[in-house]
Amino acid sequence: MTGRRPFLHYSRYLVGLIGFVLIGCNGNSDGDELQAPKTMRLDSVFAAADQIPVQYTCEGENRSPALSWDAPPTGTESLALIVSDPDAPGKPFIHWVLYDLPPDLRQLPAGLEKQPFLLDGGLQGKNDFNEYGYGGPCPPSGSHRYFFRLYALDTHLNLPPGTTKTDVVEAMQGHVLAGAELMGRYQRQR
């Protein structure tokens, strides 16, 4: 019996260490602090891992792409969307922040106005261009990845218009029921 104790102690240590590593290194390559079970689907005019069409970038019309998604889980009170570029120099660059979207909303049209309040409900935060709404891909060099992440929340965030990603993510902590992710790529043509 005493011979087993060191083994049990060692195995508990390993389990704790593995749990620490899994929590600390969650595989999220863009520094986004929230993990959500990817139980929803998010679609756009580009397929996963494909090039984002030029009209939705700084080299085109810089319009937001149309997005659609399936129904969130029961208990969803609002939706949030964050678009980030983890390949930007220094830190992830935030291209779009939306929150308090109605739970029955299933799509956003292309070319949303760059204003704080949306016609169908919800608010737009400020991106890292220091503007309301969407700021399209505009990588300084090379091909970058752009993660569109949708979150189903069990609450309304009740944040003021123009809130940044950092404050939205903080307010979402402990309220994420489900999520969806779509990654597109872009490399400047000029």
N, C-alpha and C. Protein backbone atom coordinates (compact mmCIF):
# COMPACT_ATOMS: atom_id res chain seq x y z
N MET A 1 0.83 -1.19 0.00
CA MET A 1 0.00 0.00 0.00
C MET A 1 0.87 1.25 0.00
N THR A 2 1.95 1.24 0.77
CA THR A 2 2.79 2.43 0.79
C THR A 2 3.50 2.62 -0.53
N GLY A 3 3.72 1.55 -1.29
CA GLY A 3 4.35 1.67 -2.60
C GLY A 3 3.48 2.40 -3.61
N ARG A 4 2.18 2.41 -3.39
CA ARG A 4 1.27 3.08 -4.32
C ARG A 4 1.19 4.58 -4.08
N ARG A 5 1.43 5.00 -2.90
CA ARG A 5 1.27 6.42 -2.58
C ARG A 5 2.11 7.33 -3.46
N PRO A 6 3.39 7.08 -3.66
CA PRO A 6 4.15 7.96 -4.54
C PRO A 6 3.57 7.98 -5.95
N PHE A 7 3.10 6.81 -6.42
CA PHE A 7 2.51 6.77 -7.76
C PHE A 7 1.25 7.62 -7.82
N LEU A 8 0.36 7.49 -6.80
CA LEU A 8 -0.86 8.30 -6.78
C LEU A 8 -0.53 9.79 -6.71
N HIS A 9 0.42 10.13 -5.87
CA HIS A 9 0.83 11.53 -5.76
C HIS A 9 1.38 12.04 -7.09
N TYR A 10 2.21 11.21 -7.74
CA TYR A 10 2.80 11.59 -9.01
C TYR A 10 1.73 11.72 -10.10
N SER A 11 0.77 10.79 -10.14
CA SER A 11 -0.27 10.84 -11.17
C SER A 11 -1.17 12.05 -10.96
N ARG A 12 -1.47 12.40 -9.69
CA ARG A 12 -2.25 13.62 -9.44
C ARG A 12 -1.49 14.86 -9.90
N TYR A 13 -0.19 14.85 -9.66
CA TYR A 13 0.65 15.96 -10.12
C TYR A 13 0.58 16.08 -11.64
N LEU A 14 0.67 14.94 -12.34
CA LEU A 14 0.62 14.97 -13.81
C LEU A 14 -0.73 15.47 -14.31
N VAL A 15 -1.81 14.99 -13.69
CA VAL A 15 -3.14 15.44 -14.10
C VAL A 15 -3.26 16.96 -13.90
N GLY A 16 -2.79 17.45 -12.76
CA GLY A 16 -2.82 18.89 -12.50
C GLY A 16 -1.98 19.66 -13.49
N LEU A 17 -0.80 19.14 -13.80
CA LEU A 17 0.09 19.80 -14.75
C LEU A 17 -0.52 19.83 -16.15
N ILE A 18 -1.11 18.72 -16.57
CA ILE A 18 -1.75 18.67 -17.89
C ILE A 18 -2.91 19.66 -17.94
N GLY A 19 -3.72 19.71 -16.87
CA GLY A 19 -4.83 20.66 -16.83
C GLY A 19 -4.33 22.09 -16.91
N PHE A 20 -3.25 22.41 -16.22
CA PHE A 20 -2.67 23.75 -16.27
C PHE A 20 -2.21 24.09 -17.68
N VAL A 21 -1.54 23.15 -18.32
CA VAL A 21 -1.04 23.37 -19.68
C VAL A 21 -2.21 23.57 -20.64
N LEU A 22 -3.26 22.75 -20.51
CA LEU A 22 -4.40 22.88 -21.40
C LEU A 22 -5.13 24.20 -21.20
N ILE A 23 -5.23 24.66 -19.97
CA ILE A 23 -5.89 25.94 -19.71
C ILE A 23 -5.01 27.09 -20.17
N GLY A 24 -3.73 27.01 -19.86
CA GLY A 24 -2.81 28.10 -20.20
C GLY A 24 -2.52 28.19 -21.68
N CYS A 25 -2.50 27.08 -22.35
CA CYS A 25 -2.19 27.04 -23.79
C CYS A 25 -3.39 26.47 -24.51
N ASN A 26 -4.42 27.27 -24.64
CA ASN A 26 -5.68 26.76 -25.14
C ASN A 26 -5.73 26.63 -26.65
N GLY A 27 -4.63 26.84 -27.31
CA GLY A 27 -4.61 26.67 -28.76
C GLY A 27 -5.19 27.83 -29.52
N ASN A 28 -5.58 28.86 -28.83
CA ASN A 28 -6.19 30.02 -29.47
C ASN A 28 -5.08 30.96 -29.89
N SER A 29 -4.77 30.96 -31.16
CA SER A 29 -3.56 31.62 -31.65
C SER A 29 -3.66 33.13 -31.75
N ASP A 30 -4.82 33.71 -31.48
CA ASP A 30 -4.91 35.16 -31.63
C ASP A 30 -5.05 35.89 -30.30
N GLY A 31 -4.89 35.19 -29.19
CA GLY A 31 -4.93 35.86 -27.90
C GLY A 31 -6.33 36.17 -27.41
N ASP A 32 -7.37 35.70 -28.09
CA ASP A 32 -8.73 35.92 -27.64
C ASP A 32 -8.92 35.17 -26.32
N GLU A 33 -9.42 35.85 -25.31
CA GLU A 33 -9.50 35.28 -23.97
C GLU A 33 -10.68 34.34 -23.79
N LEU A 34 -11.65 34.33 -24.68
CA LEU A 34 -12.86 33.53 -24.49
C LEU A 34 -12.82 32.24 -25.28
N GLN A 35 -13.25 31.20 -24.62
CA GLN A 35 -13.43 29.93 -25.29
C GLN A 35 -14.92 29.66 -25.34
N ALA A 36 -15.40 29.20 -26.47
CA ALA A 36 -16.81 28.89 -26.60
C ALA A 36 -16.95 27.56 -27.31
N PRO A 37 -17.86 26.72 -26.85
CA PRO A 37 -18.10 25.49 -27.59
C PRO A 37 -18.59 25.86 -29.00
N LYS A 38 -17.89 25.37 -30.02
CA LYS A 38 -18.23 25.73 -31.40
C LYS A 38 -19.42 24.88 -31.88
N THR A 39 -20.59 25.20 -31.35
CA THR A 39 -21.78 24.43 -31.68
C THR A 39 -22.68 25.14 -32.69
N MET A 40 -22.29 26.33 -33.10
CA MET A 40 -23.06 27.07 -34.09
C MET A 40 -22.26 27.16 -35.38
N ARG A 41 -22.93 27.51 -36.45
CA ARG A 41 -22.27 27.64 -37.75
C ARG A 41 -22.36 29.09 -38.19
N LEU A 42 -21.25 29.61 -38.73
CA LEU A 42 -21.17 30.98 -39.23
C LEU A 42 -20.72 30.93 -40.68
N ASP A 43 -21.46 31.60 -41.57
CA ASP A 43 -21.17 31.59 -43.00
C ASP A 43 -21.06 33.00 -43.55
N SER A 44 -20.33 33.13 -44.65
CA SER A 44 -20.20 34.42 -45.33
C SER A 44 -20.02 34.17 -46.83
N VAL A 45 -19.61 35.21 -47.54
CA VAL A 45 -19.40 35.11 -48.98
C VAL A 45 -18.11 34.37 -49.31
N PHE A 46 -17.28 34.11 -48.31
CA PHE A 46 -16.06 33.33 -48.51
C PHE A 46 -16.15 32.08 -47.64
N ALA A 47 -15.55 31.01 -48.11
CA ALA A 47 -15.53 29.76 -47.35
C ALA A 47 -14.40 29.80 -46.33
N ALA A 48 -14.46 28.92 -45.36
CA ALA A 48 -13.44 28.84 -44.32
C ALA A 48 -12.06 28.69 -44.95
N ALA A 49 -11.13 29.51 -44.49
CA ALA A 49 -9.72 29.53 -44.91
C ALA A 49 -9.50 30.05 -46.33
N ASP A 50 -10.55 30.55 -46.99
CA ASP A 50 -10.42 31.13 -48.33
C ASP A 50 -10.06 32.61 -48.24
N GLN A 51 -9.71 33.17 -49.40
CA GLN A 51 -9.42 34.61 -49.50
C GLN A 51 -10.70 35.41 -49.31
N ILE A 52 -10.61 36.47 -48.55
CA ILE A 52 -11.72 37.40 -48.39
C ILE A 52 -11.77 38.26 -49.65
N PRO A 53 -12.92 38.37 -50.31
CA PRO A 53 -13.01 39.17 -51.53
C PRO A 53 -12.56 40.61 -51.31
N VAL A 54 -11.89 41.17 -52.31
CA VAL A 54 -11.25 42.48 -52.20
C VAL A 54 -12.22 43.60 -51.82
N GLN A 55 -13.49 43.51 -52.21
CA GLN A 55 -14.43 44.60 -51.88
C GLN A 55 -14.65 44.74 -50.37
N TYR A 56 -14.28 43.73 -49.58
CA TYR A 56 -14.45 43.79 -48.14
C TYR A 56 -13.14 44.16 -47.43
N THR A 57 -12.20 44.75 -48.17
CA THR A 57 -10.89 45.10 -47.63
C THR A 57 -10.59 46.57 -47.89
N CYS A 58 -9.45 47.03 -47.38
CA CYS A 58 -9.04 48.43 -47.58
C CYS A 58 -8.69 48.72 -49.03
N GLU A 59 -8.44 47.70 -49.82
CA GLU A 59 -8.14 47.90 -51.23
C GLU A 59 -9.39 47.95 -52.10
N GLY A 60 -10.52 47.63 -51.50
CA GLY A 60 -11.79 47.67 -52.21
C GLY A 60 -12.69 48.72 -51.60
N GLU A 61 -13.94 48.34 -51.36
CA GLU A 61 -14.93 49.27 -50.82
C GLU A 61 -14.90 49.33 -49.29
N ASN A 62 -14.13 48.45 -48.66
CA ASN A 62 -14.00 48.41 -47.20
C ASN A 62 -15.36 48.23 -46.53
N ARG A 63 -16.23 47.43 -47.18
CA ARG A 63 -17.56 47.14 -46.66
C ARG A 63 -17.51 45.87 -45.82
N SER A 64 -18.37 45.78 -44.84
CA SER A 64 -18.48 44.54 -44.07
C SER A 64 -19.13 43.47 -44.94
N PRO A 65 -18.65 42.23 -44.84
CA PRO A 65 -19.27 41.15 -45.61
C PRO A 65 -20.59 40.72 -44.97
N ALA A 66 -21.48 40.18 -45.78
CA ALA A 66 -22.71 39.60 -45.24
C ALA A 66 -22.34 38.36 -44.42
N LEU A 67 -23.03 38.17 -43.33
CA LEU A 67 -22.82 37.01 -42.47
C LEU A 67 -24.16 36.39 -42.15
N SER A 68 -24.19 35.08 -41.98
CA SER A 68 -25.40 34.39 -41.53
C SER A 68 -25.00 33.26 -40.60
N TRP A 69 -25.91 32.88 -39.73
CA TRP A 69 -25.64 31.82 -38.77
C TRP A 69 -26.92 31.09 -38.43
N ASP A 70 -26.76 29.93 -37.80
CA ASP A 70 -27.91 29.15 -37.40
C ASP A 70 -28.39 29.58 -36.01
N ALA A 71 -29.45 28.95 -35.56
CA ALA A 71 -30.06 29.34 -34.29
C ALA A 71 -29.13 29.09 -33.11
N PRO A 72 -29.06 30.04 -32.19
CA PRO A 72 -28.28 29.82 -30.98
C PRO A 72 -29.04 28.91 -30.02
N PRO A 73 -28.38 28.44 -28.98
CA PRO A 73 -29.07 27.53 -28.04
C PRO A 73 -30.15 28.25 -27.22
N THR A 74 -31.05 27.45 -26.68
CA THR A 74 -32.08 27.97 -25.78
C THR A 74 -31.42 28.70 -24.62
N GLY A 75 -31.98 29.81 -24.24
CA GLY A 75 -31.42 30.60 -23.14
C GLY A 75 -30.56 31.75 -23.61
N THR A 76 -30.35 31.85 -24.93
CA THR A 76 -29.55 32.96 -25.47
C THR A 76 -30.34 34.25 -25.35
N GLU A 77 -29.71 35.26 -24.75
CA GLU A 77 -30.33 36.58 -24.59
C GLU A 77 -29.77 37.60 -25.58
N SER A 78 -28.54 37.38 -26.04
CA SER A 78 -27.94 38.29 -27.01
C SER A 78 -26.79 37.59 -27.72
N LEU A 79 -26.33 38.21 -28.80
CA LEU A 79 -25.20 37.70 -29.57
C LEU A 79 -24.12 38.78 -29.64
N ALA A 80 -22.89 38.35 -29.79
CA ALA A 80 -21.77 39.27 -29.98
C ALA A 80 -20.89 38.72 -31.08
N LEU A 81 -20.22 39.63 -31.80
CA LEU A 81 -19.32 39.24 -32.88
C LEU A 81 -18.04 40.05 -32.76
N ILE A 82 -16.91 39.37 -32.86
CA ILE A 82 -15.61 40.03 -32.83
C ILE A 82 -14.79 39.51 -34.00
N VAL A 83 -14.17 40.43 -34.74
CA VAL A 83 -13.30 40.06 -35.86
C VAL A 83 -11.89 40.55 -35.55
N SER A 84 -10.93 39.62 -35.59
CA SER A 84 -9.56 39.98 -35.24
C SER A 84 -8.55 39.37 -36.20
N ASP A 85 -7.40 40.02 -36.28
CA ASP A 85 -6.27 39.58 -37.09
C ASP A 85 -5.12 39.24 -36.14
N PRO A 86 -4.87 37.95 -35.87
CA PRO A 86 -3.80 37.58 -34.96
C PRO A 86 -2.41 37.74 -35.55
N ASP A 87 -2.33 37.95 -36.86
CA ASP A 87 -1.03 38.05 -37.54
C ASP A 87 -0.51 39.48 -37.62
N ALA A 88 -1.26 40.42 -37.08
CA ALA A 88 -0.82 41.82 -37.08
C ALA A 88 0.42 41.97 -36.21
N PRO A 89 1.30 42.90 -36.56
CA PRO A 89 2.50 43.10 -35.75
C PRO A 89 2.15 43.55 -34.33
N GLY A 90 2.79 42.98 -33.36
CA GLY A 90 2.61 43.40 -31.97
C GLY A 90 1.53 42.65 -31.22
N LYS A 91 0.28 42.85 -31.61
CA LYS A 91 -0.83 42.20 -30.93
C LYS A 91 -1.97 42.02 -31.93
N PRO A 92 -2.94 41.16 -31.59
CA PRO A 92 -4.06 41.01 -32.51
C PRO A 92 -4.74 42.35 -32.80
N PHE A 93 -5.05 42.59 -34.06
CA PHE A 93 -5.70 43.83 -34.48
C PHE A 93 -7.19 43.55 -34.59
N ILE A 94 -8.00 44.38 -33.96
CA ILE A 94 -9.45 44.19 -33.93
C ILE A 94 -10.09 44.99 -35.07
N HIS A 95 -10.84 44.27 -35.91
CA HIS A 95 -11.47 44.87 -37.09
C HIS A 95 -12.96 45.18 -36.92
N TRP A 96 -13.61 44.51 -35.95
CA TRP A 96 -15.05 44.71 -35.82
C TRP A 96 -15.49 44.20 -34.46
N VAL A 97 -16.36 44.96 -33.80
CA VAL A 97 -16.92 44.57 -32.51
C VAL A 97 -18.42 44.89 -32.54
N LEU A 98 -19.26 43.87 -32.38
CA LEU A 98 -20.71 44.05 -32.28
C LEU A 98 -21.18 43.32 -31.03
N TYR A 99 -22.20 43.85 -30.37
CA TYR A 99 -22.71 43.22 -29.15
C TYR A 99 -24.16 43.60 -28.92
N ASP A 100 -24.81 42.85 -28.05
CA ASP A 100 -26.23 42.99 -27.75
C ASP A 100 -27.10 42.86 -29.00
N LEU A 101 -26.63 42.01 -29.93
CA LEU A 101 -27.45 41.69 -31.10
C LEU A 101 -28.63 40.83 -30.63
N PRO A 102 -29.83 41.01 -31.19
CA PRO A 102 -30.99 40.21 -30.77
C PRO A 102 -30.76 38.72 -31.01
N PRO A 103 -31.22 37.86 -30.11
CA PRO A 103 -30.99 36.43 -30.25
C PRO A 103 -31.72 35.79 -31.43
N ASP A 104 -32.76 36.46 -31.94
CA ASP A 104 -33.48 35.90 -33.09
C ASP A 104 -32.91 36.38 -34.43
N LEU A 105 -31.90 37.23 -34.39
CA LEU A 105 -31.23 37.69 -35.61
C LEU A 105 -30.42 36.53 -36.19
N ARG A 106 -30.51 36.31 -37.50
CA ARG A 106 -29.79 35.21 -38.13
C ARG A 106 -28.81 35.66 -39.21
N GLN A 107 -28.76 36.98 -39.45
CA GLN A 107 -27.84 37.45 -40.49
C GLN A 107 -27.57 38.94 -40.36
N LEU A 108 -26.45 39.33 -40.93
CA LEU A 108 -26.12 40.75 -41.08
C LEU A 108 -25.89 40.98 -42.57
N PRO A 109 -26.48 42.03 -43.13
CA PRO A 109 -26.28 42.30 -44.55
C PRO A 109 -24.88 42.86 -44.79
N ALA A 110 -24.44 42.81 -46.02
CA ALA A 110 -23.16 43.42 -46.40
C ALA A 110 -23.27 44.93 -46.27
N GLY A 111 -22.16 45.56 -45.96
CA GLY A 111 -22.10 47.02 -45.95
C GLY A 111 -22.84 47.69 -44.82
N LEU A 112 -22.76 47.17 -43.61
CA LEU A 112 -23.41 47.85 -42.48
C LEU A 112 -22.82 49.24 -42.31
N GLU A 113 -23.68 50.18 -41.99
CA GLU A 113 -23.23 51.55 -41.74
C GLU A 113 -22.27 51.59 -40.56
N LYS A 114 -21.32 52.51 -40.61
CA LYS A 114 -20.34 52.65 -39.53
C LYS A 114 -20.89 53.63 -38.50
N GLN A 115 -21.89 53.13 -37.76
CA GLN A 115 -22.55 53.93 -36.74
C GLN A 115 -22.74 53.07 -35.50
N PRO A 116 -22.98 53.69 -34.35
CA PRO A 116 -23.04 52.90 -33.12
C PRO A 116 -24.24 51.98 -33.02
N PHE A 117 -25.42 52.41 -33.47
CA PHE A 117 -26.64 51.62 -33.30
C PHE A 117 -27.03 50.96 -34.62
N LEU A 118 -27.39 49.67 -34.56
CA LEU A 118 -27.83 48.94 -35.74
C LEU A 118 -29.36 49.00 -35.84
N LEU A 119 -29.87 49.01 -37.06
CA LEU A 119 -31.32 49.11 -37.27
C LEU A 119 -32.06 47.90 -36.70
N ASP A 120 -31.47 46.70 -36.80
CA ASP A 120 -32.13 45.48 -36.30
C ASP A 120 -31.89 45.26 -34.81
N GLY A 121 -31.24 46.19 -34.15
CA GLY A 121 -30.90 46.05 -32.74
C GLY A 121 -29.43 45.70 -32.58
N GLY A 122 -28.89 46.03 -31.46
CA GLY A 122 -27.48 45.78 -31.21
C GLY A 122 -26.65 47.04 -31.40
N LEU A 123 -25.41 46.93 -30.98
CA LEU A 123 -24.49 48.06 -31.04
C LEU A 123 -23.18 47.65 -31.68
N GLN A 124 -22.48 48.65 -32.23
CA GLN A 124 -21.15 48.43 -32.75
C GLN A 124 -20.15 49.15 -31.85
N GLY A 125 -19.09 48.44 -31.56
CA GLY A 125 -18.02 49.03 -30.78
C GLY A 125 -17.02 49.72 -31.67
N LYS A 126 -15.93 50.13 -31.07
CA LYS A 126 -14.85 50.75 -31.84
C LYS A 126 -13.79 49.70 -32.13
N ASN A 127 -13.31 49.72 -33.37
CA ASN A 127 -12.25 48.81 -33.78
C ASN A 127 -10.90 49.46 -33.53
N ASP A 128 -9.83 48.78 -33.92
CA ASP A 128 -8.49 49.33 -33.68
C ASP A 128 -8.10 50.43 -34.68
N PHE A 129 -8.99 50.75 -35.62
CA PHE A 129 -8.83 51.94 -36.46
C PHE A 129 -9.44 53.15 -35.73
N ASN A 130 -9.99 52.91 -34.53
CA ASN A 130 -10.68 53.90 -33.72
C ASN A 130 -11.94 54.42 -34.42
N GLU A 131 -12.65 53.50 -35.08
CA GLU A 131 -13.89 53.81 -35.78
C GLU A 131 -14.98 52.87 -35.33
N TYR A 132 -16.24 53.33 -35.42
CA TYR A 132 -17.38 52.44 -35.22
C TYR A 132 -17.45 51.47 -36.39
N GLY A 133 -17.89 50.26 -36.12
CA GLY A 133 -18.17 49.32 -37.18
C GLY A 133 -16.96 48.59 -37.71
N TYR A 134 -17.10 48.18 -38.95
CA TYR A 134 -16.14 47.30 -39.62
C TYR A 134 -15.01 48.07 -40.26
N GLY A 135 -13.80 47.59 -40.07
CA GLY A 135 -12.63 48.06 -40.79
C GLY A 135 -12.01 46.86 -41.47
N GLY A 136 -11.96 46.85 -42.77
CA GLY A 136 -11.55 45.67 -43.52
C GLY A 136 -10.07 45.32 -43.42
N PRO A 137 -9.76 44.11 -43.82
CA PRO A 137 -8.36 43.67 -43.83
C PRO A 137 -7.48 44.62 -44.63
N CYS A 138 -6.28 44.89 -44.09
CA CYS A 138 -5.34 45.80 -44.73
C CYS A 138 -3.94 45.44 -44.22
N PRO A 139 -3.51 44.19 -44.42
CA PRO A 139 -2.24 43.77 -43.81
C PRO A 139 -1.05 44.52 -44.40
N PRO A 140 -0.09 44.88 -43.55
CA PRO A 140 1.09 45.61 -44.04
C PRO A 140 1.96 44.76 -44.96
N SER A 141 1.98 43.45 -44.73
CA SER A 141 2.76 42.55 -45.59
C SER A 141 2.28 41.13 -45.39
N GLY A 142 2.45 40.32 -46.40
CA GLY A 142 2.12 38.90 -46.29
C GLY A 142 0.64 38.62 -46.19
N SER A 143 0.33 37.36 -46.04
CA SER A 143 -1.04 36.91 -45.89
C SER A 143 -1.39 36.86 -44.41
N HIS A 144 -2.53 37.43 -44.05
CA HIS A 144 -3.00 37.42 -42.67
C HIS A 144 -4.29 36.63 -42.57
N ARG A 145 -4.55 36.11 -41.36
CA ARG A 145 -5.79 35.41 -41.07
C ARG A 145 -6.73 36.35 -40.32
N TYR A 146 -8.02 36.25 -40.63
CA TYR A 146 -9.04 37.08 -40.01
C TYR A 146 -10.11 36.17 -39.44
N PHE A 147 -10.23 36.19 -38.10
CA PHE A 147 -11.16 35.33 -37.40
C PHE A 147 -12.45 36.09 -37.09
N PHE A 148 -13.55 35.59 -37.62
CA PHE A 148 -14.88 36.11 -37.32
C PHE A 148 -15.45 35.17 -36.27
N ARG A 149 -15.68 35.68 -35.06
CA ARG A 149 -16.17 34.84 -33.97
C ARG A 149 -17.50 35.38 -33.46
N LEU A 150 -18.49 34.49 -33.48
CA LEU A 150 -19.83 34.80 -33.01
C LEU A 150 -20.04 34.10 -31.67
N TYR A 151 -20.62 34.82 -30.70
CA TYR A 151 -20.86 34.27 -29.37
C TYR A 151 -22.34 34.38 -29.02
N ALA A 152 -22.93 33.30 -28.51
CA ALA A 152 -24.28 33.32 -27.96
C ALA A 152 -24.14 33.50 -26.45
N LEU A 153 -24.81 34.52 -25.91
CA LEU A 153 -24.66 34.88 -24.50
C LEU A 153 -25.97 34.73 -23.74
N ASP A 154 -25.87 34.42 -22.47
CA ASP A 154 -27.06 34.27 -21.64
C ASP A 154 -27.48 35.58 -20.98
N THR A 155 -26.97 36.70 -21.47
CA THR A 155 -27.28 38.01 -20.90
C THR A 155 -27.13 39.09 -21.97
N HIS A 156 -27.63 40.28 -21.65
CA HIS A 156 -27.33 41.47 -22.43
C HIS A 156 -26.13 42.13 -21.77
N LEU A 157 -25.21 42.63 -22.54
CA LEU A 157 -24.01 43.25 -21.96
C LEU A 157 -24.27 44.66 -21.45
N ASN A 158 -25.23 45.35 -22.05
CA ASN A 158 -25.60 46.70 -21.61
C ASN A 158 -24.41 47.64 -21.52
N LEU A 159 -23.54 47.56 -22.51
CA LEU A 159 -22.38 48.44 -22.59
C LEU A 159 -22.70 49.62 -23.49
N PRO A 160 -22.05 50.76 -23.31
CA PRO A 160 -22.33 51.91 -24.18
C PRO A 160 -21.80 51.68 -25.59
N PRO A 161 -22.33 52.40 -26.57
CA PRO A 161 -21.81 52.29 -27.92
C PRO A 161 -20.34 52.69 -27.95
N GLY A 162 -19.59 52.06 -28.84
CA GLY A 162 -18.18 52.40 -28.96
C GLY A 162 -17.27 51.64 -28.02
N THR A 163 -17.81 50.70 -27.28
CA THR A 163 -17.00 49.89 -26.37
C THR A 163 -15.99 49.08 -27.18
N THR A 164 -14.81 48.90 -26.64
CA THR A 164 -13.76 48.16 -27.34
C THR A 164 -13.85 46.67 -27.04
N LYS A 165 -13.12 45.88 -27.80
CA LYS A 165 -13.10 44.44 -27.66
C LYS A 165 -12.72 44.02 -26.24
N THR A 166 -11.75 44.67 -25.64
CA THR A 166 -11.30 44.30 -24.31
C THR A 166 -12.44 44.34 -23.31
N ASP A 167 -13.23 45.41 -23.31
CA ASP A 167 -14.34 45.54 -22.37
C ASP A 167 -15.49 44.60 -22.71
N VAL A 168 -15.72 44.36 -23.99
CA VAL A 168 -16.77 43.42 -24.39
C VAL A 168 -16.40 42.01 -23.93
N VAL A 169 -15.16 41.60 -24.16
CA VAL A 169 -14.72 40.26 -23.73
C VAL A 169 -14.82 40.13 -22.22
N GLU A 170 -14.43 41.16 -21.50
CA GLU A 170 -14.52 41.11 -20.03
C GLU A 170 -15.97 40.94 -19.59
N ALA A 171 -16.88 41.67 -20.21
CA ALA A 171 -18.29 41.58 -19.84
C ALA A 171 -18.90 40.23 -20.22
N MET A 172 -18.36 39.56 -21.24
CA MET A 172 -18.89 38.27 -21.67
C MET A 172 -18.43 37.12 -20.79
N GLN A 173 -17.40 37.32 -19.98
CA GLN A 173 -16.86 36.24 -19.15
C GLN A 173 -17.98 35.58 -18.34
N GLY A 174 -18.06 34.25 -18.43
CA GLY A 174 -19.04 33.50 -17.68
C GLY A 174 -20.44 33.49 -18.28
N HIS A 175 -20.61 34.11 -19.45
CA HIS A 175 -21.94 34.21 -20.07
C HIS A 175 -22.02 33.55 -21.44
N VAL A 176 -20.96 32.91 -21.90
CA VAL A 176 -20.94 32.34 -23.25
C VAL A 176 -21.58 30.95 -23.24
N LEU A 177 -22.66 30.80 -24.02
CA LEU A 177 -23.35 29.52 -24.14
C LEU A 177 -22.82 28.70 -25.32
N ALA A 178 -22.49 29.37 -26.40
CA ALA A 178 -22.05 28.68 -27.62
C ALA A 178 -21.35 29.68 -28.51
N GLY A 179 -20.72 29.19 -29.55
CA GLY A 179 -20.02 30.07 -30.47
C GLY A 179 -19.87 29.46 -31.84
N ALA A 180 -19.41 30.29 -32.75
CA ALA A 180 -19.10 29.87 -34.11
C ALA A 180 -17.89 30.65 -34.57
N GLU A 181 -17.14 30.10 -35.49
CA GLU A 181 -15.93 30.75 -35.97
C GLU A 181 -15.78 30.54 -37.47
N LEU A 182 -15.38 31.59 -38.15
CA LEU A 182 -15.07 31.54 -39.57
C LEU A 182 -13.78 32.30 -39.78
N MET A 183 -12.81 31.66 -40.40
CA MET A 183 -11.53 32.31 -40.65
C MET A 183 -11.35 32.51 -42.14
N GLY A 184 -11.04 33.75 -42.52
CA GLY A 184 -10.70 34.06 -43.90
C GLY A 184 -9.29 34.62 -43.97
N ARG A 185 -8.73 34.66 -45.14
CA ARG A 185 -7.35 35.15 -45.32
C ARG A 185 -7.35 36.34 -46.29
N TYR A 186 -6.32 37.17 -46.16
CA TYR A 186 -6.17 38.24 -47.13
C TYR A 186 -4.69 38.65 -47.23
N GLN A 187 -4.26 38.88 -48.46
CA GLN A 187 -2.94 39.43 -48.75
C GLN A 187 -3.16 40.57 -49.73
N ARG A 188 -2.55 41.71 -49.45
CA ARG A 188 -2.75 42.88 -50.31
C ARG A 188 -2.31 42.61 -51.73
N GLN A 189 -3.06 43.18 -52.67
CA GLN A 189 -2.82 42.97 -54.09
C GLN A 189 -1.76 43.93 -54.62
N ARG A 190 -1.58 45.08 -53.97
CA ARG A 190 -0.64 46.10 -54.44
C ARG A 190 0.60 46.14 -53.60
